[in-house]
Every structure is written in structure tokens, then in C-alpha cells.
């Protein structure tokens, strides 16, 4: 029964359990991943990229942050034409507060996506993530540019609207921030808790306590 269960496990789970049962070395995990891809003849395929990203997320979900970072560095150097792996690297960079690295990897992912014919909504999340990273870098002009670009691709992006509201609030434009948050609630998602919370804080700052 145990062997049958293992056969039914997703590839990333098999690799993860090999990792935790060993000495939790991301280099050995990378080698095991490479070996699996060669055995299954899927190296460089979309499936292999999805397995790497799922495995990286499984590592961070279980608090193996440093291990995930090194694993991603190894895979990204070997799969330089994968925007999926670049985006995962950007996510990990943000976790480690490497906001410049997050921006750089999202830019590379955008270039790869564009070269593969991806446009519009398929680039929205990259610009949105770049906007948040620029916000953390306190480069508010670049943050605003990136978030407005995301909204051009998807005018109903609550994430871009929320982050843009935070930029306006930081710059003291409370009315603009409140308007964006109000739009989220009225036009996008009337149950968005973050929008309500941030709008409440702004109204409080404006003295509109009721």
C-alpha cells in the first residue's frame, strides 16, 4: 500500500520527501530534480517548470526559505528561458526583502513573456509585483508607473488598485487613495477586507470617524 501511495504522489511531493528524509541539502535536491527530468525526458518542458515552481513553493510553505532560495538560484541558472522560474525567484526575493532583485527578475520575466507572444493581462501580475517592490524601495514614482501599467492591462485588478492606493496614501493624496479603495468595494469586490480596512484607516486620518 505504501508503494502504491508513493506512485500516486505528484513529482514535487516525491522530491520534497526525498529532501526532508535526507540532509535537506538544496544542491542534492537540485541534482535529484535534474535526474528525474532526464529519466522522464521532460527537461526544459512546461511540465518541468511547473514541478520546479511547485517544489519551491512547498519548501517555503514549510519554512525552508534559505533552501528554497538556493534551489531557485540553481534552477534559474539552468533554465534561463523559463519565466515561471523567474517569477518564483522574484517571489522568494521579496520574502528576503531583496526588492531590487524582485524588480529585476520580474523585468526579465516580462521580456521572456513578450518574446513568446504574451501580452496584456498575462503581464499584469508582473507589473503589480514590481509596483509593490518599488513601494518597499520607496521609489514611489516607479511604483505608480508599474501599478498604472497593471491597471491598463486589467482595470479591475484589485491588487493593483489596493497597492496604488497605498502609494497615494504614502504621498499624502488621501482622497485619491480613498477613491481607489471605494472603487474596489463598489466595482470589483464588495467583500474585499483589505480595501475596507485601508479605507477605514484613511477616513479615520481624515477625521471622518463615523
N, C-alpha and C. Protein backbone atom coordinates (compact mmCIF):
# COMPACT_ATOMS: atom_id res chain seq x y z
N UNK A 1 0.83 -1.20 0.00
CA UNK A 1 0.00 0.00 0.00
C UNK A 1 0.87 1.26 0.00
N UNK A 2 1.95 1.27 0.79
CA UNK A 2 2.84 2.43 0.87
C UNK A 2 3.46 2.73 -0.49
N UNK A 3 3.88 1.66 -1.22
CA UNK A 3 4.49 1.86 -2.52
C UNK A 3 3.48 2.42 -3.51
N UNK A 4 2.23 1.93 -3.43
CA UNK A 4 1.20 2.43 -4.33
C UNK A 4 0.93 3.91 -4.07
N UNK A 5 0.92 4.30 -2.79
CA UNK A 5 0.71 5.70 -2.45
C UNK A 5 1.82 6.57 -3.02
N UNK A 6 3.06 6.08 -2.95
CA UNK A 6 4.18 6.84 -3.48
C UNK A 6 4.07 7.03 -4.98
N UNK A 7 3.58 5.98 -5.68
CA UNK A 7 3.44 6.07 -7.13
C UNK A 7 2.42 7.14 -7.52
N UNK A 8 1.43 7.36 -6.67
CA UNK A 8 0.38 8.32 -6.96
C UNK A 8 0.76 9.74 -6.54
N UNK A 9 1.89 9.92 -5.89
CA UNK A 9 2.29 11.24 -5.41
C UNK A 9 2.74 12.12 -6.57
N UNK A 10 2.38 13.41 -6.54
CA UNK A 10 2.92 14.33 -7.55
C UNK A 10 4.44 14.37 -7.48
N UNK A 11 5.07 14.70 -8.61
CA UNK A 11 6.53 14.69 -8.69
C UNK A 11 7.17 15.57 -7.64
N UNK A 12 6.59 16.78 -7.41
CA UNK A 12 7.18 17.70 -6.44
C UNK A 12 7.13 17.14 -5.02
N UNK A 13 6.09 16.34 -4.72
CA UNK A 13 5.99 15.73 -3.39
C UNK A 13 7.05 14.65 -3.21
N UNK A 14 7.27 13.85 -4.25
CA UNK A 14 8.31 12.82 -4.18
C UNK A 14 9.67 13.46 -3.92
N UNK A 15 9.95 14.55 -4.66
CA UNK A 15 11.23 15.23 -4.49
C UNK A 15 11.34 15.88 -3.11
N UNK A 16 10.24 16.44 -2.64
CA UNK A 16 10.25 17.09 -1.32
C UNK A 16 10.53 16.07 -0.22
N UNK A 17 9.88 14.91 -0.28
CA UNK A 17 10.10 13.91 0.77
C UNK A 17 11.50 13.32 0.70
N UNK A 18 12.07 13.27 -0.50
CA UNK A 18 13.47 12.87 -0.62
C UNK A 18 14.36 13.90 0.08
N UNK A 19 14.00 15.16 -0.06
CA UNK A 19 14.75 16.26 0.55
C UNK A 19 14.70 16.19 2.08
N UNK A 20 13.51 16.04 2.66
CA UNK A 20 13.41 16.07 4.12
C UNK A 20 13.91 14.77 4.76
N UNK A 21 13.92 13.68 4.00
CA UNK A 21 14.43 12.42 4.53
C UNK A 21 15.94 12.34 4.45
N UNK A 22 16.53 13.21 3.65
CA UNK A 22 17.99 13.27 3.54
C UNK A 22 18.55 14.31 4.49
N UNK A 23 19.55 15.03 4.03
CA UNK A 23 20.15 16.04 4.91
C UNK A 23 19.68 17.45 4.56
N UNK A 24 18.57 17.54 3.83
CA UNK A 24 17.94 18.83 3.50
C UNK A 24 18.90 19.77 2.78
N UNK A 25 19.62 19.20 1.84
CA UNK A 25 20.60 19.95 1.05
C UNK A 25 19.96 20.36 -0.28
N UNK A 26 19.77 21.65 -0.53
CA UNK A 26 19.14 22.07 -1.78
C UNK A 26 19.94 21.69 -3.03
N UNK A 27 21.26 21.55 -2.88
CA UNK A 27 22.08 21.13 -4.02
C UNK A 27 21.74 19.71 -4.42
N UNK A 28 21.58 18.84 -3.42
CA UNK A 28 21.20 17.46 -3.71
C UNK A 28 19.77 17.40 -4.24
N UNK A 29 18.92 18.29 -3.75
CA UNK A 29 17.55 18.36 -4.26
C UNK A 29 17.56 18.74 -5.74
N UNK A 30 18.39 19.70 -6.09
CA UNK A 30 18.52 20.11 -7.48
C UNK A 30 19.01 18.95 -8.35
N UNK A 31 19.99 18.21 -7.85
CA UNK A 31 20.51 17.06 -8.59
C UNK A 31 19.44 15.99 -8.78
N UNK A 32 18.65 15.74 -7.72
CA UNK A 32 17.58 14.75 -7.81
C UNK A 32 16.52 15.19 -8.81
N UNK A 33 16.25 16.50 -8.83
CA UNK A 33 15.28 17.04 -9.77
C UNK A 33 15.76 16.87 -11.21
N UNK A 34 17.02 17.19 -11.44
CA UNK A 34 17.62 17.01 -12.77
C UNK A 34 17.54 15.55 -13.22
N UNK A 35 17.86 14.65 -12.30
CA UNK A 35 17.84 13.22 -12.62
C UNK A 35 16.43 12.77 -12.98
N UNK A 36 15.44 13.23 -12.23
CA UNK A 36 14.06 12.87 -12.52
C UNK A 36 13.64 13.35 -13.91
N UNK A 37 14.02 14.58 -14.24
CA UNK A 37 13.64 15.15 -15.54
C UNK A 37 14.30 14.37 -16.68
N UNK A 38 15.55 13.98 -16.48
CA UNK A 38 16.25 13.23 -17.52
C UNK A 38 15.63 11.84 -17.69
N UNK A 39 15.28 11.21 -16.57
CA UNK A 39 14.66 9.88 -16.62
C UNK A 39 13.32 9.94 -17.33
N UNK A 40 12.54 10.97 -17.03
CA UNK A 40 11.21 11.10 -17.63
C UNK A 40 11.23 11.85 -18.96
N UNK A 41 12.41 12.32 -19.34
CA UNK A 41 12.60 13.03 -20.61
C UNK A 41 11.69 14.27 -20.72
N UNK A 42 11.65 15.05 -19.66
CA UNK A 42 10.81 16.26 -19.65
C UNK A 42 11.63 17.51 -19.36
N UNK A 43 12.94 17.40 -19.34
CA UNK A 43 13.77 18.55 -19.01
C UNK A 43 13.53 19.67 -20.01
N UNK A 44 13.30 20.88 -19.48
CA UNK A 44 13.08 22.03 -20.34
C UNK A 44 11.65 22.19 -20.81
N UNK A 45 10.77 21.29 -20.39
CA UNK A 45 9.37 21.37 -20.79
C UNK A 45 8.57 22.22 -19.80
N UNK A 46 7.36 22.61 -20.21
CA UNK A 46 6.49 23.36 -19.32
C UNK A 46 6.21 22.57 -18.05
N UNK A 47 6.07 21.25 -18.20
CA UNK A 47 5.82 20.39 -17.03
C UNK A 47 6.96 20.47 -16.03
N UNK A 48 8.20 20.48 -16.53
CA UNK A 48 9.35 20.55 -15.63
C UNK A 48 9.38 21.89 -14.89
N UNK A 49 9.03 22.98 -15.58
CA UNK A 49 9.00 24.29 -14.93
C UNK A 49 7.94 24.31 -13.82
N UNK A 50 6.79 23.72 -14.12
CA UNK A 50 5.70 23.69 -13.12
C UNK A 50 6.09 22.88 -11.90
N UNK A 51 6.82 21.78 -12.11
CA UNK A 51 7.28 20.96 -10.98
C UNK A 51 8.26 21.75 -10.11
N UNK A 52 9.19 22.47 -10.76
CA UNK A 52 10.18 23.25 -10.01
C UNK A 52 9.51 24.32 -9.17
N UNK A 53 8.56 25.03 -9.76
CA UNK A 53 7.86 26.11 -9.04
C UNK A 53 7.05 25.53 -7.88
N UNK A 54 6.34 24.43 -8.13
CA UNK A 54 5.54 23.79 -7.07
C UNK A 54 6.43 23.30 -5.94
N UNK A 55 7.59 22.77 -6.28
CA UNK A 55 8.53 22.29 -5.27
C UNK A 55 9.09 23.45 -4.46
N UNK A 56 9.44 24.54 -5.14
CA UNK A 56 9.96 25.72 -4.44
C UNK A 56 8.93 26.27 -3.46
N UNK A 57 7.67 26.32 -3.90
CA UNK A 57 6.60 26.82 -3.02
C UNK A 57 6.37 25.88 -1.84
N UNK A 58 6.54 24.58 -2.08
CA UNK A 58 6.40 23.62 -1.00
C UNK A 58 7.49 23.82 0.05
N UNK A 59 8.68 24.17 -0.40
CA UNK A 59 9.78 24.45 0.53
C UNK A 59 9.46 25.67 1.40
N UNK A 60 9.00 26.76 0.76
CA UNK A 60 8.71 27.96 1.55
C UNK A 60 7.47 27.76 2.42
N UNK A 61 6.51 26.98 1.94
CA UNK A 61 5.32 26.70 2.77
C UNK A 61 5.69 25.99 4.07
N UNK A 62 6.81 25.27 4.02
CA UNK A 62 7.26 24.53 5.19
C UNK A 62 8.47 25.18 5.86
N UNK A 63 8.62 26.48 5.58
CA UNK A 63 9.63 27.33 6.25
C UNK A 63 11.07 27.02 5.88
N UNK A 64 11.30 26.36 4.74
CA UNK A 64 12.67 26.15 4.25
C UNK A 64 13.00 27.29 3.28
N UNK A 65 13.10 28.50 3.82
CA UNK A 65 13.26 29.68 2.98
C UNK A 65 14.65 29.76 2.35
N UNK A 66 15.69 29.60 3.15
CA UNK A 66 17.05 29.67 2.62
C UNK A 66 17.30 28.57 1.61
N UNK A 67 16.75 27.39 1.89
CA UNK A 67 16.91 26.25 0.98
C UNK A 67 16.19 26.52 -0.34
N UNK A 68 15.02 27.12 -0.26
CA UNK A 68 14.26 27.45 -1.47
C UNK A 68 15.01 28.49 -2.30
N UNK A 69 15.63 29.45 -1.61
CA UNK A 69 16.38 30.49 -2.31
C UNK A 69 17.54 29.89 -3.11
N UNK A 70 18.32 29.01 -2.48
CA UNK A 70 19.45 28.40 -3.18
C UNK A 70 18.96 27.47 -4.28
N UNK A 71 17.90 26.71 -4.01
CA UNK A 71 17.34 25.81 -5.02
C UNK A 71 16.91 26.61 -6.25
N UNK A 72 16.27 27.75 -6.01
CA UNK A 72 15.83 28.57 -7.13
C UNK A 72 17.00 29.15 -7.90
N UNK A 73 18.05 29.55 -7.19
CA UNK A 73 19.24 30.08 -7.87
C UNK A 73 19.86 29.03 -8.78
N UNK A 74 19.88 27.80 -8.31
CA UNK A 74 20.44 26.71 -9.12
C UNK A 74 19.59 26.42 -10.35
N UNK A 75 18.29 26.39 -10.15
CA UNK A 75 17.40 26.08 -11.28
C UNK A 75 17.34 27.23 -12.28
N UNK A 76 17.33 28.46 -11.78
CA UNK A 76 17.22 29.60 -12.71
C UNK A 76 18.46 29.72 -13.58
N UNK A 77 19.63 29.32 -13.05
CA UNK A 77 20.85 29.37 -13.86
C UNK A 77 20.83 28.28 -14.93
N UNK A 78 20.04 27.23 -14.70
CA UNK A 78 19.99 26.12 -15.64
C UNK A 78 18.79 26.21 -16.59
N UNK A 79 17.80 27.02 -16.21
CA UNK A 79 16.60 27.18 -17.04
C UNK A 79 16.35 28.67 -17.26
N UNK A 80 17.24 29.30 -18.00
CA UNK A 80 17.20 30.75 -18.15
C UNK A 80 16.07 31.23 -19.05
N UNK A 81 15.41 30.32 -19.76
CA UNK A 81 14.32 30.71 -20.64
C UNK A 81 12.95 30.40 -20.04
N UNK A 82 12.88 30.27 -18.72
CA UNK A 82 11.61 29.98 -18.06
C UNK A 82 11.14 31.19 -17.27
N UNK A 83 10.08 31.83 -17.75
CA UNK A 83 9.54 32.97 -16.99
C UNK A 83 8.90 32.50 -15.69
N UNK A 84 8.41 31.24 -15.67
CA UNK A 84 7.81 30.71 -14.44
C UNK A 84 8.82 30.67 -13.30
N UNK A 85 10.03 30.21 -13.62
CA UNK A 85 11.07 30.12 -12.59
C UNK A 85 11.56 31.51 -12.18
N UNK A 86 11.63 32.42 -13.14
CA UNK A 86 11.99 33.80 -12.81
C UNK A 86 10.97 34.42 -11.87
N UNK A 87 9.70 34.18 -12.12
CA UNK A 87 8.65 34.73 -11.26
C UNK A 87 8.70 34.13 -9.86
N UNK A 88 9.03 32.85 -9.78
CA UNK A 88 9.18 32.24 -8.46
C UNK A 88 10.39 32.83 -7.74
N UNK A 89 11.46 33.07 -8.49
CA UNK A 89 12.63 33.71 -7.91
C UNK A 89 12.32 35.10 -7.40
N UNK A 90 11.47 35.83 -8.14
CA UNK A 90 11.05 37.17 -7.71
C UNK A 90 10.25 37.09 -6.42
N UNK A 91 9.41 36.08 -6.32
CA UNK A 91 8.61 35.92 -5.09
C UNK A 91 9.53 35.66 -3.89
N UNK A 92 10.50 34.80 -4.06
CA UNK A 92 11.43 34.48 -2.97
C UNK A 92 12.28 35.71 -2.63
N UNK A 93 12.70 36.45 -3.65
CA UNK A 93 13.48 37.66 -3.40
C UNK A 93 12.69 38.63 -2.53
N UNK A 94 11.39 38.76 -2.79
CA UNK A 94 10.56 39.66 -1.99
C UNK A 94 10.50 39.18 -0.55
N UNK A 95 10.40 37.86 -0.35
CA UNK A 95 10.37 37.30 1.01
C UNK A 95 11.63 37.69 1.77
N UNK A 96 12.77 37.70 1.07
CA UNK A 96 14.05 38.03 1.70
C UNK A 96 14.33 39.54 1.68
N UNK A 97 13.30 40.32 1.30
CA UNK A 97 13.41 41.77 1.24
C UNK A 97 14.48 42.24 0.26
N UNK A 98 14.73 41.41 -0.75
CA UNK A 98 15.60 41.81 -1.86
C UNK A 98 14.69 42.40 -2.94
N UNK A 99 14.23 43.62 -2.70
CA UNK A 99 13.21 44.21 -3.56
C UNK A 99 13.76 44.56 -4.94
N UNK A 100 15.03 44.95 -5.00
CA UNK A 100 15.64 45.23 -6.31
C UNK A 100 15.71 43.94 -7.12
N UNK A 101 16.09 42.85 -6.47
CA UNK A 101 16.14 41.56 -7.16
C UNK A 101 14.77 41.15 -7.66
N UNK A 102 13.74 41.44 -6.87
CA UNK A 102 12.37 41.15 -7.26
C UNK A 102 12.00 41.91 -8.52
N UNK A 103 12.35 43.19 -8.57
CA UNK A 103 12.07 44.01 -9.75
C UNK A 103 12.81 43.46 -10.97
N UNK A 104 14.10 43.18 -10.80
CA UNK A 104 14.93 42.72 -11.92
C UNK A 104 14.39 41.41 -12.51
N UNK A 105 14.00 40.48 -11.64
CA UNK A 105 13.51 39.19 -12.14
C UNK A 105 12.15 39.32 -12.81
N UNK A 106 11.31 40.21 -12.30
CA UNK A 106 10.03 40.45 -12.97
C UNK A 106 10.24 41.08 -14.34
N UNK A 107 11.21 41.98 -14.46
CA UNK A 107 11.51 42.58 -15.75
C UNK A 107 11.98 41.52 -16.75
N UNK A 108 12.83 40.62 -16.30
CA UNK A 108 13.30 39.54 -17.17
C UNK A 108 12.15 38.63 -17.58
N UNK A 109 11.24 38.37 -16.63
CA UNK A 109 10.07 37.54 -16.93
C UNK A 109 9.19 38.22 -17.97
N UNK A 110 9.02 39.54 -17.85
CA UNK A 110 8.22 40.29 -18.82
C UNK A 110 8.84 40.19 -20.21
N UNK A 111 10.16 40.34 -20.29
CA UNK A 111 10.85 40.25 -21.59
C UNK A 111 10.66 38.87 -22.21
N UNK A 112 10.77 37.83 -21.39
CA UNK A 112 10.58 36.47 -21.90
C UNK A 112 9.15 36.26 -22.37
N UNK A 113 8.19 36.70 -21.57
CA UNK A 113 6.78 36.55 -21.94
C UNK A 113 6.48 37.29 -23.25
N UNK A 114 7.00 38.50 -23.34
CA UNK A 114 6.77 39.29 -24.55
C UNK A 114 7.35 38.61 -25.77
N UNK A 115 8.55 38.05 -25.62
CA UNK A 115 9.19 37.35 -26.75
C UNK A 115 8.42 36.10 -27.15
N UNK A 116 7.62 35.57 -26.23
CA UNK A 116 6.81 34.39 -26.52
C UNK A 116 5.38 34.75 -26.93
N UNK A 117 5.16 36.05 -27.18
CA UNK A 117 3.87 36.49 -27.68
C UNK A 117 2.83 36.75 -26.62
N UNK A 118 3.23 36.80 -25.35
CA UNK A 118 2.28 37.07 -24.29
C UNK A 118 2.14 38.57 -24.11
N UNK A 119 0.90 39.03 -23.99
CA UNK A 119 0.64 40.46 -23.85
C UNK A 119 -0.48 40.69 -22.84
N UNK A 120 -0.70 41.99 -22.55
CA UNK A 120 -1.86 42.38 -21.76
C UNK A 120 -1.97 41.72 -20.41
N UNK A 121 -3.12 41.08 -20.14
CA UNK A 121 -3.39 40.51 -18.83
C UNK A 121 -2.33 39.51 -18.35
N UNK A 122 -1.61 38.90 -19.30
CA UNK A 122 -0.59 37.92 -18.92
C UNK A 122 0.63 38.58 -18.27
N UNK A 123 0.72 39.90 -18.38
CA UNK A 123 1.83 40.64 -17.78
C UNK A 123 1.40 41.41 -16.53
N UNK A 124 0.11 41.41 -16.26
CA UNK A 124 -0.44 42.21 -15.16
C UNK A 124 0.23 41.92 -13.83
N UNK A 125 0.34 40.63 -13.47
CA UNK A 125 0.88 40.28 -12.15
C UNK A 125 2.33 40.72 -12.00
N UNK A 126 3.10 40.70 -13.10
CA UNK A 126 4.50 41.14 -13.03
C UNK A 126 4.59 42.62 -12.69
N UNK A 127 3.78 43.44 -13.36
CA UNK A 127 3.80 44.87 -13.09
C UNK A 127 3.27 45.18 -11.69
N UNK A 128 2.28 44.40 -11.27
CA UNK A 128 1.72 44.60 -9.93
C UNK A 128 2.78 44.27 -8.87
N UNK A 129 3.49 43.18 -9.06
CA UNK A 129 4.54 42.79 -8.10
C UNK A 129 5.70 43.78 -8.11
N UNK A 130 6.04 44.28 -9.30
CA UNK A 130 7.08 45.29 -9.39
C UNK A 130 6.66 46.56 -8.65
N UNK A 131 5.38 46.92 -8.78
CA UNK A 131 4.89 48.11 -8.09
C UNK A 131 5.04 48.00 -6.59
N UNK A 132 4.73 46.82 -6.07
CA UNK A 132 4.85 46.62 -4.62
C UNK A 132 6.31 46.63 -4.19
N UNK A 133 7.19 46.07 -5.03
CA UNK A 133 8.63 46.08 -4.70
C UNK A 133 9.18 47.50 -4.74
N UNK A 134 8.77 48.29 -5.75
CA UNK A 134 9.20 49.69 -5.82
C UNK A 134 8.69 50.46 -4.60
N UNK A 135 7.48 50.14 -4.16
CA UNK A 135 6.92 50.78 -2.97
C UNK A 135 7.84 50.53 -1.76
N UNK A 136 8.27 49.28 -1.61
CA UNK A 136 9.16 48.94 -0.49
C UNK A 136 10.50 49.63 -0.62
N UNK A 137 10.92 49.90 -1.87
CA UNK A 137 12.17 50.62 -2.10
C UNK A 137 11.99 52.13 -1.94
N UNK A 138 10.73 52.55 -1.69
CA UNK A 138 10.36 53.96 -1.55
C UNK A 138 10.60 54.74 -2.84
N UNK A 139 10.55 54.02 -3.96
CA UNK A 139 10.61 54.67 -5.27
C UNK A 139 9.16 54.78 -5.74
N UNK A 140 8.47 55.81 -5.25
CA UNK A 140 7.02 55.87 -5.42
C UNK A 140 6.62 56.21 -6.86
N UNK A 141 7.45 56.95 -7.58
CA UNK A 141 7.13 57.24 -8.98
C UNK A 141 7.13 55.97 -9.81
N UNK A 142 8.17 55.14 -9.62
CA UNK A 142 8.24 53.89 -10.37
C UNK A 142 7.13 52.93 -9.93
N UNK A 143 6.80 52.97 -8.64
CA UNK A 143 5.71 52.14 -8.13
C UNK A 143 4.41 52.53 -8.81
N UNK A 144 4.16 53.82 -8.93
CA UNK A 144 2.94 54.31 -9.56
C UNK A 144 2.90 53.92 -11.04
N UNK A 145 4.03 54.05 -11.73
CA UNK A 145 4.09 53.70 -13.15
C UNK A 145 3.77 52.22 -13.37
N UNK A 146 4.38 51.37 -12.54
CA UNK A 146 4.18 49.93 -12.69
C UNK A 146 2.73 49.55 -12.40
N UNK A 147 2.15 50.12 -11.36
CA UNK A 147 0.78 49.78 -10.98
C UNK A 147 -0.23 50.32 -11.97
N UNK A 148 0.03 51.51 -12.52
CA UNK A 148 -0.85 52.03 -13.57
C UNK A 148 -0.78 51.18 -14.82
N UNK A 149 0.41 50.63 -15.10
CA UNK A 149 0.56 49.73 -16.24
C UNK A 149 -0.26 48.46 -16.02
N UNK A 150 -0.22 47.94 -14.80
CA UNK A 150 -1.02 46.76 -14.47
C UNK A 150 -2.51 47.03 -14.66
N UNK A 151 -2.93 48.23 -14.28
CA UNK A 151 -4.34 48.58 -14.41
C UNK A 151 -4.75 48.81 -15.86
N UNK A 152 -3.81 49.20 -16.70
CA UNK A 152 -4.11 49.30 -18.12
C UNK A 152 -4.42 47.92 -18.70
N UNK A 153 -3.71 46.92 -18.21
CA UNK A 153 -3.94 45.56 -18.67
C UNK A 153 -5.23 44.98 -18.09
N UNK A 154 -5.52 45.35 -16.85
CA UNK A 154 -6.72 44.85 -16.17
C UNK A 154 -7.27 45.93 -15.24
N UNK A 155 -8.22 46.74 -15.73
CA UNK A 155 -8.76 47.84 -14.91
C UNK A 155 -9.47 47.37 -13.64
N UNK A 156 -9.75 46.06 -13.54
CA UNK A 156 -10.44 45.54 -12.36
C UNK A 156 -9.49 44.75 -11.45
N UNK A 157 -8.22 45.03 -11.57
CA UNK A 157 -7.23 44.35 -10.72
C UNK A 157 -7.27 44.94 -9.32
N UNK A 158 -7.88 44.25 -8.40
CA UNK A 158 -7.99 44.77 -7.03
C UNK A 158 -6.62 44.88 -6.37
N UNK A 159 -5.71 43.97 -6.72
CA UNK A 159 -4.36 44.02 -6.15
C UNK A 159 -3.63 45.29 -6.58
N UNK A 160 -3.71 45.61 -7.89
CA UNK A 160 -3.05 46.83 -8.39
C UNK A 160 -3.70 48.07 -7.79
N UNK A 161 -5.03 48.06 -7.69
CA UNK A 161 -5.75 49.21 -7.13
C UNK A 161 -5.39 49.43 -5.66
N UNK A 162 -5.33 48.33 -4.91
CA UNK A 162 -5.00 48.42 -3.49
C UNK A 162 -3.59 48.96 -3.30
N UNK A 163 -2.63 48.41 -4.06
CA UNK A 163 -1.24 48.86 -3.91
C UNK A 163 -1.07 50.30 -4.37
N UNK A 164 -1.81 50.70 -5.42
CA UNK A 164 -1.74 52.09 -5.88
C UNK A 164 -2.33 53.03 -4.82
N UNK A 165 -3.36 52.57 -4.15
CA UNK A 165 -3.94 53.36 -3.06
C UNK A 165 -2.91 53.57 -1.95
N UNK A 166 -2.13 52.53 -1.66
CA UNK A 166 -1.10 52.66 -0.63
C UNK A 166 -0.03 53.67 -1.02
N UNK A 167 0.30 53.70 -2.34
CA UNK A 167 1.27 54.69 -2.82
C UNK A 167 0.72 56.10 -2.64
N UNK A 168 -0.54 56.31 -3.06
CA UNK A 168 -1.14 57.64 -2.92
C UNK A 168 -1.21 58.05 -1.45
N UNK A 169 -1.55 57.10 -0.59
CA UNK A 169 -1.61 57.40 0.85
C UNK A 169 -0.24 57.81 1.37
N UNK A 170 0.79 57.11 0.94
CA UNK A 170 2.15 57.42 1.38
C UNK A 170 2.56 58.82 0.93
N UNK A 171 2.07 59.23 -0.24
CA UNK A 171 2.40 60.55 -0.78
C UNK A 171 1.47 61.64 -0.24
N UNK A 172 0.52 61.25 0.61
CA UNK A 172 -0.37 62.22 1.22
C UNK A 172 -1.62 62.53 0.42
N UNK A 173 -1.82 61.82 -0.70
CA UNK A 173 -3.01 62.04 -1.52
C UNK A 173 -4.13 61.13 -1.01
N UNK A 174 -4.68 61.48 0.14
CA UNK A 174 -5.64 60.60 0.80
C UNK A 174 -6.94 60.46 0.01
N UNK A 175 -7.38 61.54 -0.66
CA UNK A 175 -8.63 61.47 -1.43
C UNK A 175 -8.49 60.48 -2.59
N UNK A 176 -7.34 60.51 -3.28
CA UNK A 176 -7.11 59.58 -4.38
C UNK A 176 -7.06 58.14 -3.87
N UNK A 177 -6.39 57.95 -2.75
CA UNK A 177 -6.30 56.62 -2.16
C UNK A 177 -7.69 56.12 -1.78
N UNK A 178 -8.47 56.97 -1.14
CA UNK A 178 -9.82 56.58 -0.71
C UNK A 178 -10.70 56.25 -1.91
N UNK A 179 -10.55 57.01 -2.99
CA UNK A 179 -11.36 56.79 -4.19
C UNK A 179 -11.06 55.41 -4.80
N UNK A 180 -9.79 55.06 -4.84
CA UNK A 180 -9.40 53.74 -5.38
C UNK A 180 -9.97 52.61 -4.53
N UNK A 181 -9.87 52.76 -3.23
CA UNK A 181 -10.38 51.72 -2.33
C UNK A 181 -11.90 51.61 -2.43
N UNK A 182 -12.55 52.76 -2.58
CA UNK A 182 -14.00 52.77 -2.74
C UNK A 182 -14.41 52.08 -4.04
N UNK A 183 -13.60 52.26 -5.08
CA UNK A 183 -13.86 51.59 -6.37
C UNK A 183 -13.75 50.07 -6.24
N UNK A 184 -12.76 49.62 -5.46
CA UNK A 184 -12.62 48.17 -5.24
C UNK A 184 -13.90 47.62 -4.63
N UNK A 185 -14.39 48.30 -3.60
CA UNK A 185 -15.56 47.83 -2.86
C UNK A 185 -16.82 47.89 -3.73
N UNK A 186 -16.98 48.97 -4.49
CA UNK A 186 -18.22 49.17 -5.24
C UNK A 186 -18.22 48.51 -6.62
N UNK A 187 -17.03 48.37 -7.24
CA UNK A 187 -16.98 47.92 -8.63
C UNK A 187 -16.31 46.57 -8.84
N UNK A 188 -15.50 46.14 -7.87
CA UNK A 188 -14.73 44.91 -8.08
C UNK A 188 -15.13 43.81 -7.10
N UNK A 189 -14.97 44.07 -5.81
CA UNK A 189 -15.25 43.03 -4.82
C UNK A 189 -15.78 43.66 -3.54
N UNK A 190 -17.09 43.61 -3.32
CA UNK A 190 -17.68 44.23 -2.12
C UNK A 190 -17.31 43.53 -0.82
N UNK A 191 -16.57 42.42 -0.93
CA UNK A 191 -16.17 41.69 0.28
C UNK A 191 -14.66 41.74 0.51
N UNK A 192 -13.98 42.66 -0.17
CA UNK A 192 -12.52 42.77 -0.04
C UNK A 192 -12.16 43.39 1.32
N UNK A 193 -11.74 42.57 2.25
CA UNK A 193 -11.47 43.02 3.62
C UNK A 193 -10.33 44.04 3.67
N UNK A 194 -9.30 43.86 2.84
CA UNK A 194 -8.16 44.79 2.84
C UNK A 194 -8.59 46.18 2.40
N UNK A 195 -9.50 46.22 1.42
CA UNK A 195 -9.98 47.52 0.94
C UNK A 195 -10.76 48.24 2.04
N UNK A 196 -11.62 47.51 2.74
CA UNK A 196 -12.39 48.11 3.84
C UNK A 196 -11.46 48.59 4.94
N UNK A 197 -10.49 47.76 5.30
CA UNK A 197 -9.58 48.10 6.39
C UNK A 197 -8.78 49.36 6.08
N UNK A 198 -8.21 49.40 4.86
CA UNK A 198 -7.40 50.56 4.48
C UNK A 198 -8.25 51.81 4.29
N UNK A 199 -9.46 51.65 3.76
CA UNK A 199 -10.35 52.80 3.61
C UNK A 199 -10.75 53.34 4.98
N UNK A 200 -11.03 52.44 5.92
CA UNK A 200 -11.36 52.87 7.28
C UNK A 200 -10.23 53.66 7.91
N UNK A 201 -9.00 53.21 7.70
CA UNK A 201 -7.84 53.92 8.26
C UNK A 201 -7.71 55.33 7.67
N UNK A 202 -7.94 55.42 6.35
CA UNK A 202 -7.82 56.72 5.69
C UNK A 202 -8.92 57.67 6.18
N UNK A 203 -10.14 57.17 6.27
CA UNK A 203 -11.26 58.01 6.76
C UNK A 203 -10.98 58.49 8.19
N UNK A 204 -10.36 57.61 8.97
CA UNK A 204 -10.01 58.00 10.34
C UNK A 204 -8.99 59.13 10.33
N UNK A 205 -7.98 59.01 9.44
CA UNK A 205 -6.95 60.06 9.34
C UNK A 205 -7.56 61.39 8.88
N UNK A 206 -8.63 61.29 8.08
CA UNK A 206 -9.29 62.49 7.59
C UNK A 206 -10.28 63.07 8.60
N UNK A 207 -10.41 62.40 9.73
CA UNK A 207 -11.33 62.88 10.75
C UNK A 207 -12.77 62.48 10.52
N UNK A 208 -12.99 61.60 9.56
CA UNK A 208 -14.35 61.13 9.26
C UNK A 208 -14.64 59.87 10.08
N UNK A 209 -14.74 60.05 11.37
CA UNK A 209 -14.80 58.92 12.29
C UNK A 209 -16.10 58.11 12.16
N UNK A 210 -17.16 58.73 11.72
CA UNK A 210 -18.40 58.00 11.58
C UNK A 210 -18.30 56.96 10.47
